[in-house]
Amino acid sequence: MSLEIKIKNIVDNFDDVSSDEFLEILAQIMLEFKSNLTVEYLNGKVEKILELSSESEKKKQCRLLLPYYDWYLQGQ
């Protein structure tokens, strides 16, 4: 399955996706960024999310990163 299809599936079915799967795909999206500053920012966000103990809190924080998924889809 292509990255674009995986991203569309996550955007369409966000509530059914684990935070781990979301962050795994985000890591692949980050490979496309040309700005190291953006990558560093997101790496910090991912680290903070991974430190959380509650899956519901992780999902809440992941939802805030959905615009990066939209960014990737707009370029395809």
N, C-alpha and C. Protein backbone atom coordinates (compact mmCIF):
# COMPACT_ATOMS: atom_id res chain seq x y z
N MET A 1 0.85 -1.18 0.00
CA MET A 1 0.00 0.00 0.00
C MET A 1 0.90 1.24 0.00
N SER A 2 0.58 2.17 -0.86
CA SER A 2 1.40 3.37 -0.98
C SER A 2 1.21 4.27 0.25
N LEU A 3 2.18 5.14 0.46
CA LEU A 3 2.12 6.07 1.59
C LEU A 3 0.89 6.96 1.46
N GLU A 4 0.60 7.42 0.27
CA GLU A 4 -0.57 8.29 0.06
C GLU A 4 -1.86 7.60 0.48
N ILE A 5 -2.02 6.34 0.14
CA ILE A 5 -3.22 5.60 0.51
C ILE A 5 -3.29 5.40 2.03
N LYS A 6 -2.15 5.10 2.65
CA LYS A 6 -2.12 4.95 4.10
C LYS A 6 -2.53 6.25 4.78
N ILE A 7 -2.03 7.37 4.26
CA ILE A 7 -2.35 8.67 4.85
C ILE A 7 -3.84 8.96 4.70
N LYS A 8 -4.39 8.72 3.51
CA LYS A 8 -5.82 8.94 3.31
C LYS A 8 -6.65 8.08 4.25
N ASN A 9 -6.25 6.83 4.44
CA ASN A 9 -6.97 5.94 5.35
C ASN A 9 -6.95 6.46 6.78
N ILE A 10 -5.80 6.97 7.21
CA ILE A 10 -5.69 7.49 8.57
C ILE A 10 -6.54 8.75 8.73
N VAL A 11 -6.49 9.65 7.74
CA VAL A 11 -7.28 10.87 7.81
C VAL A 11 -8.78 10.53 7.85
N ASP A 12 -9.18 9.58 7.03
CA ASP A 12 -10.60 9.21 6.95
C ASP A 12 -11.08 8.42 8.16
N ASN A 13 -10.17 7.68 8.81
CA ASN A 13 -10.55 6.80 9.91
C ASN A 13 -9.70 7.07 11.15
N PHE A 14 -9.48 8.34 11.44
CA PHE A 14 -8.57 8.71 12.52
C PHE A 14 -8.90 8.02 13.84
N ASP A 15 -10.17 7.93 14.18
CA ASP A 15 -10.57 7.36 15.48
C ASP A 15 -10.23 5.88 15.60
N ASP A 16 -10.03 5.20 14.47
CA ASP A 16 -9.74 3.76 14.49
C ASP A 16 -8.25 3.45 14.40
N VAL A 17 -7.41 4.48 14.38
CA VAL A 17 -5.97 4.29 14.20
C VAL A 17 -5.27 4.50 15.54
N SER A 18 -4.32 3.63 15.84
CA SER A 18 -3.56 3.80 17.08
C SER A 18 -2.59 4.96 16.95
N SER A 19 -2.22 5.52 18.08
CA SER A 19 -1.25 6.62 18.05
C SER A 19 0.09 6.14 17.49
N ASP A 20 0.46 4.90 17.76
CA ASP A 20 1.72 4.36 17.24
C ASP A 20 1.72 4.33 15.71
N GLU A 21 0.61 3.89 15.14
CA GLU A 21 0.50 3.85 13.68
C GLU A 21 0.53 5.26 13.11
N PHE A 22 -0.17 6.17 13.75
CA PHE A 22 -0.19 7.56 13.31
C PHE A 22 1.23 8.13 13.29
N LEU A 23 1.96 7.92 14.37
CA LEU A 23 3.32 8.47 14.47
C LEU A 23 4.28 7.79 13.51
N GLU A 24 4.06 6.52 13.22
CA GLU A 24 4.90 5.80 12.26
C GLU A 24 4.76 6.43 10.86
N ILE A 25 3.54 6.73 10.48
CA ILE A 25 3.30 7.35 9.17
C ILE A 25 3.81 8.78 9.17
N LEU A 26 3.66 9.49 10.28
CA LEU A 26 4.18 10.85 10.38
C LEU A 26 5.70 10.86 10.17
N ALA A 27 6.38 9.87 10.68
CA ALA A 27 7.83 9.77 10.49
C ALA A 27 8.17 9.65 9.01
N GLN A 28 7.35 8.95 8.25
CA GLN A 28 7.58 8.83 6.81
C GLN A 28 7.30 10.15 6.10
N ILE A 29 6.28 10.87 6.56
CA ILE A 29 5.97 12.18 5.98
C ILE A 29 7.12 13.15 6.24
N MET A 30 7.70 13.07 7.42
CA MET A 30 8.77 13.99 7.81
C MET A 30 9.98 13.87 6.88
N LEU A 31 10.15 12.74 6.22
CA LEU A 31 11.26 12.57 5.27
C LEU A 31 11.12 13.51 4.07
N GLU A 32 9.90 13.99 3.84
CA GLU A 32 9.63 14.87 2.70
C GLU A 32 9.88 16.35 3.01
N PHE A 33 10.02 16.69 4.29
CA PHE A 33 10.21 18.09 4.66
C PHE A 33 11.59 18.58 4.28
N LYS A 34 11.65 19.79 3.78
CA LYS A 34 12.92 20.38 3.39
C LYS A 34 13.52 21.22 4.52
N SER A 35 12.70 21.56 5.49
CA SER A 35 13.14 22.40 6.61
C SER A 35 13.53 21.54 7.82
N ASN A 36 14.79 21.63 8.22
CA ASN A 36 15.23 20.90 9.41
C ASN A 36 14.52 21.40 10.65
N LEU A 37 14.18 22.67 10.66
CA LEU A 37 13.49 23.25 11.80
C LEU A 37 12.14 22.57 12.02
N THR A 38 11.42 22.31 10.93
CA THR A 38 10.13 21.64 11.03
C THR A 38 10.32 20.21 11.54
N VAL A 39 11.33 19.53 11.03
CA VAL A 39 11.60 18.15 11.45
C VAL A 39 11.96 18.12 12.94
N GLU A 40 12.79 19.04 13.37
CA GLU A 40 13.17 19.10 14.79
C GLU A 40 11.94 19.38 15.66
N TYR A 41 11.10 20.29 15.22
CA TYR A 41 9.87 20.62 15.95
C TYR A 41 9.00 19.38 16.10
N LEU A 42 8.79 18.67 14.99
CA LEU A 42 7.93 17.49 15.04
C LEU A 42 8.56 16.36 15.85
N ASN A 43 9.87 16.21 15.78
CA ASN A 43 10.52 15.20 16.60
C ASN A 43 10.28 15.47 18.08
N GLY A 44 10.32 16.74 18.48
CA GLY A 44 10.03 17.11 19.85
C GLY A 44 8.59 16.78 20.23
N LYS A 45 7.66 17.07 19.31
CA LYS A 45 6.25 16.76 19.55
C LYS A 45 6.05 15.25 19.71
N VAL A 46 6.69 14.47 18.83
CA VAL A 46 6.56 13.01 18.87
C VAL A 46 7.11 12.48 20.19
N GLU A 47 8.24 12.98 20.63
CA GLU A 47 8.82 12.54 21.90
C GLU A 47 7.86 12.80 23.05
N LYS A 48 7.24 13.98 23.06
CA LYS A 48 6.28 14.33 24.12
C LYS A 48 5.07 13.39 24.08
N ILE A 49 4.61 13.07 22.89
CA ILE A 49 3.46 12.16 22.75
C ILE A 49 3.82 10.77 23.27
N LEU A 50 5.01 10.30 22.93
CA LEU A 50 5.42 8.97 23.36
C LEU A 50 5.57 8.87 24.88
N GLU A 51 5.84 9.98 25.52
CA GLU A 51 5.98 10.00 26.98
C GLU A 51 4.64 9.90 27.70
N LEU A 52 3.56 10.21 27.00
CA LEU A 52 2.23 10.16 27.63
C LEU A 52 1.85 8.71 27.91
N SER A 53 1.11 8.49 28.99
CA SER A 53 0.73 7.12 29.35
C SER A 53 -0.65 6.73 28.82
N SER A 54 -1.50 7.69 28.59
CA SER A 54 -2.87 7.42 28.16
C SER A 54 -2.99 7.46 26.63
N GLU A 55 -3.56 6.41 26.07
CA GLU A 55 -3.77 6.37 24.63
C GLU A 55 -4.71 7.49 24.19
N SER A 56 -5.71 7.80 25.01
CA SER A 56 -6.64 8.87 24.63
C SER A 56 -5.94 10.22 24.58
N GLU A 57 -5.02 10.46 25.49
CA GLU A 57 -4.25 11.71 25.47
C GLU A 57 -3.30 11.73 24.28
N LYS A 58 -2.71 10.59 23.96
CA LYS A 58 -1.83 10.50 22.78
C LYS A 58 -2.62 10.83 21.51
N LYS A 59 -3.84 10.27 21.43
CA LYS A 59 -4.67 10.52 20.25
C LYS A 59 -5.05 11.99 20.14
N LYS A 60 -5.32 12.61 21.27
CA LYS A 60 -5.67 14.02 21.29
C LYS A 60 -4.50 14.85 20.73
N GLN A 61 -3.29 14.51 21.13
CA GLN A 61 -2.11 15.23 20.65
C GLN A 61 -1.83 14.92 19.18
N CYS A 62 -2.07 13.68 18.77
CA CYS A 62 -1.88 13.30 17.37
C CYS A 62 -2.84 14.07 16.47
N ARG A 63 -4.07 14.25 16.95
CA ARG A 63 -5.07 14.98 16.15
C ARG A 63 -4.55 16.37 15.78
N LEU A 64 -3.78 16.98 16.68
CA LEU A 64 -3.23 18.31 16.41
C LEU A 64 -2.20 18.30 15.29
N LEU A 65 -1.69 17.13 14.96
CA LEU A 65 -0.67 17.01 13.91
C LEU A 65 -1.27 16.60 12.55
N LEU A 66 -2.57 16.45 12.48
CA LEU A 66 -3.22 16.08 11.21
C LEU A 66 -2.94 17.05 10.06
N PRO A 67 -2.73 18.36 10.31
CA PRO A 67 -2.41 19.24 9.18
C PRO A 67 -1.17 18.82 8.39
N TYR A 68 -0.26 18.11 9.02
CA TYR A 68 0.91 17.63 8.29
C TYR A 68 0.53 16.52 7.31
N TYR A 69 -0.47 15.75 7.66
CA TYR A 69 -1.01 14.74 6.75
C TYR A 69 -1.67 15.44 5.56
N ASP A 70 -2.45 16.48 5.86
CA ASP A 70 -3.10 17.24 4.79
C ASP A 70 -2.06 17.87 3.87
N TRP A 71 -0.99 18.39 4.45
CA TRP A 71 0.09 18.99 3.65
C TRP A 71 0.62 17.96 2.65
N TYR A 72 0.86 16.76 3.12
CA TYR A 72 1.40 15.71 2.24
C TYR A 72 0.42 15.40 1.12
N LEU A 73 -0.85 15.29 1.46
CA LEU A 73 -1.85 14.95 0.44
C LEU A 73 -2.02 16.05 -0.59
N GLN A 74 -1.85 17.31 -0.21
CA GLN A 74 -1.98 18.41 -1.14
C GLN A 74 -0.87 18.39 -2.19
N GLY A 75 0.27 17.85 -1.82
CA GLY A 75 1.39 17.80 -2.76
C GLY A 75 1.36 16.62 -3.69
N GLN A 76 0.41 15.72 -3.49
CA GLN A 76 0.34 14.50 -4.32
C GLN A 76 -0.61 14.67 -5.49
